[in-house]
Amino acid sequence: MNIGFTSIHAIIIIINTVLYNYDRIANEEVRRRCGVEILEHRLRKTRLKCFVHVKRRNENSILRSAMEPEVEGRRPLGRPKKT
């Protein structure tokens, strides 16, 4: 039986692909095994802590006024004019 080079090359590619996909582990599985928290959850917790600290500050605090801006007036309708 005479197998051409392209057939052997195709078989090797298929075997390598199967072995490569067999060895792959999902990121979620790696995080679970290592006990690492998802970055999005960690950032959300940190932001919430900062927000709580700002909310506890005095009503006249600059940080608190920056977190809750009160804008007066309205924006003009339409596209801005070219300068």
C-alpha atoms as a PDB file:
ATOM      1  CA  MET A   1       0.000   0.000   0.000  1.00  0.00           C
ATOM      2  CA  ASN A   2       1.469   3.324  -1.066  1.00  0.00           C
ATOM      3  CA  ILE A   3       0.501   6.283   1.140  1.00  0.00           C
ATOM      4  CA  GLY A   4       1.479   9.679  -0.201  1.00  0.00           C
ATOM      5  CA  PHE A   5       3.226  12.413   1.729  1.00  0.00           C
ATOM      6  CA  THR A   6       0.074  14.540   1.902  1.00  0.00           C
ATOM      7  CA  SER A   7      -1.925  11.701   3.446  1.00  0.00           C
ATOM      8  CA  ILE A   8       0.697  11.102   6.148  1.00  0.00           C
ATOM      9  CA  HIS A   9       0.941  14.841   6.777  1.00  0.00           C
ATOM     10  CA  ALA A  10      -2.860  15.071   7.124  1.00  0.00           C
ATOM     11  CA  ILE A  11      -2.915  12.164   9.583  1.00  0.00           C
ATOM     12  CA  ILE A  12      -0.158  13.772  11.686  1.00  0.00           C
ATOM     13  CA  ILE A  13      -2.073  17.074  11.760  1.00  0.00           C
ATOM     14  CA  ILE A  14      -5.259  15.305  12.886  1.00  0.00           C
ATOM     15  CA  ILE A  15      -3.425  13.399  15.635  1.00  0.00           C
ATOM     16  CA  ASN A  16      -1.702  16.570  16.874  1.00  0.00           C
ATOM     17  CA  THR A  17      -4.993  18.461  16.893  1.00  0.00           C
ATOM     18  CA  VAL A  18      -6.732  15.749  18.901  1.00  0.00           C
ATOM     19  CA  LEU A  19      -3.869  15.544  21.416  1.00  0.00           C
ATOM     20  CA  TYR A  20      -3.681  19.346  21.727  1.00  0.00           C
ATOM     21  CA  ASN A  21      -7.410  19.652  22.411  1.00  0.00           C
ATOM     22  CA  TYR A  22      -7.258  16.734  24.841  1.00  0.00           C
ATOM     23  CA  ASP A  23      -4.650  18.525  26.976  1.00  0.00           C
ATOM     24  CA  ARG A  24      -6.481  21.836  27.108  1.00  0.00           C
ATOM     25  CA  ILE A  25      -8.123  22.952  30.356  1.00  0.00           C
ATOM     26  CA  ALA A  26     -10.673  25.749  30.548  1.00  0.00           C
ATOM     27  CA  ASN A  27      -9.696  28.965  32.344  1.00  0.00           C
ATOM     28  CA  GLU A  28     -12.575  28.537  34.795  1.00  0.00           C
ATOM     29  CA  GLU A  29     -11.257  25.108  35.754  1.00  0.00           C
ATOM     30  CA  VAL A  30      -7.739  26.474  36.345  1.00  0.00           C
ATOM     31  CA  ARG A  31      -9.125  29.314  38.508  1.00  0.00           C
ATOM     32  CA  ARG A  32     -11.225  26.844  40.508  1.00  0.00           C
ATOM     33  CA  ARG A  33      -8.274  24.519  41.112  1.00  0.00           C
ATOM     34  CA  CYS A  34      -5.997  27.385  42.174  1.00  0.00           C
ATOM     35  CA  GLY A  35      -8.647  29.116  44.264  1.00  0.00           C
ATOM     36  CA  VAL A  36      -8.351  32.384  42.310  1.00  0.00           C
ATOM     37  CA  GLU A  37     -11.348  34.689  42.138  1.00  0.00           C
ATOM     38  CA  ILE A  38     -12.595  35.973  38.791  1.00  0.00           C
ATOM     39  CA  LEU A  39     -11.121  39.418  38.145  1.00  0.00           C
ATOM     40  CA  GLU A  40     -14.505  40.985  37.356  1.00  0.00           C
ATOM     41  CA  HIS A  41     -15.887  39.977  40.766  1.00  0.00           C
ATOM     42  CA  ARG A  42     -12.818  41.265  42.550  1.00  0.00           C
ATOM     43  CA  LEU A  43     -12.977  44.640  40.781  1.00  0.00           C
ATOM     44  CA  ARG A  44     -16.686  44.937  41.560  1.00  0.00           C
ATOM     45  CA  LYS A  45     -16.034  44.319  45.285  1.00  0.00           C
ATOM     46  CA  THR A  46     -13.245  46.922  45.321  1.00  0.00           C
ATOM     47  CA  ARG A  47     -15.434  49.533  43.624  1.00  0.00           C
ATOM     48  CA  LEU A  48     -18.257  48.836  46.027  1.00  0.00           C
ATOM     49  CA  LYS A  49     -15.936  49.322  49.018  1.00  0.00           C
ATOM     50  CA  CYS A  50     -14.769  52.688  47.630  1.00  0.00           C
ATOM     51  CA  PHE A  51     -18.354  53.730  46.949  1.00  0.00           C
ATOM     52  CA  VAL A  52     -19.400  52.872  50.520  1.00  0.00           C
ATOM     53  CA  HIS A  53     -16.529  54.927  51.958  1.00  0.00           C
ATOM     54  CA  VAL A  54     -17.507  57.912  49.833  1.00  0.00           C
ATOM     55  CA  LYS A  55     -21.185  57.593  50.798  1.00  0.00           C
ATOM     56  CA  ARG A  56     -20.239  57.735  54.504  1.00  0.00           C
ATOM     57  CA  ARG A  57     -18.476  61.079  54.081  1.00  0.00           C
ATOM     58  CA  ASN A  58     -19.990  64.447  54.905  1.00  0.00           C
ATOM     59  CA  GLU A  59     -22.686  65.847  52.577  1.00  0.00           C
ATOM     60  CA  ASN A  60     -20.397  68.767  51.619  1.00  0.00           C
ATOM     61  CA  SER A  61     -17.415  66.562  50.725  1.00  0.00           C
ATOM     62  CA  ILE A  62     -15.852  67.077  47.294  1.00  0.00           C
ATOM     63  CA  LEU A  63     -15.671  63.314  46.722  1.00  0.00           C
ATOM     64  CA  ARG A  64     -19.338  62.875  47.496  1.00  0.00           C
ATOM     65  CA  SER A  65     -20.350  65.730  45.211  1.00  0.00           C
ATOM     66  CA  ALA A  66     -18.251  64.153  42.440  1.00  0.00           C
ATOM     67  CA  MET A  67     -20.035  60.810  42.873  1.00  0.00           C
ATOM     68  CA  GLU A  68     -23.476  62.415  42.663  1.00  0.00           C
ATOM     69  CA  PRO A  69     -23.220  65.307  40.194  1.00  0.00           C
ATOM     70  CA  GLU A  70     -26.160  67.653  39.887  1.00  0.00           C
ATOM     71  CA  VAL A  71     -26.173  69.337  36.497  1.00  0.00           C
ATOM     72  CA  GLU A  72     -28.207  72.475  35.926  1.00  0.00           C
ATOM     73  CA  GLY A  73     -29.842  73.384  32.644  1.00  0.00           C
ATOM     74  CA  ARG A  74     -30.162  71.427  29.429  1.00  0.00           C
ATOM     75  CA  ARG A  75     -27.909  70.685  26.511  1.00  0.00           C
ATOM     76  CA  PRO A  76     -28.798  72.346  23.226  1.00  0.00           C
ATOM     77  CA  LEU A  77     -30.474  70.125  20.642  1.00  0.00           C
ATOM     78  CA  GLY A  78     -28.738  69.081  17.442  1.00  0.00           C
ATOM     79  CA  ARG A  79     -25.195  68.725  16.308  1.00  0.00           C
ATOM     80  CA  PRO A  80     -22.550  71.075  17.724  1.00  0.00           C
ATOM     81  CA  LYS A  81     -21.506  73.921  15.405  1.00  0.00           C
ATOM     82  CA  LYS A  82     -18.093  73.759  13.748  1.00  0.00           C
ATOM     83  CA  THR A  83     -15.537  76.204  15.083  1.00  0.00           C
END
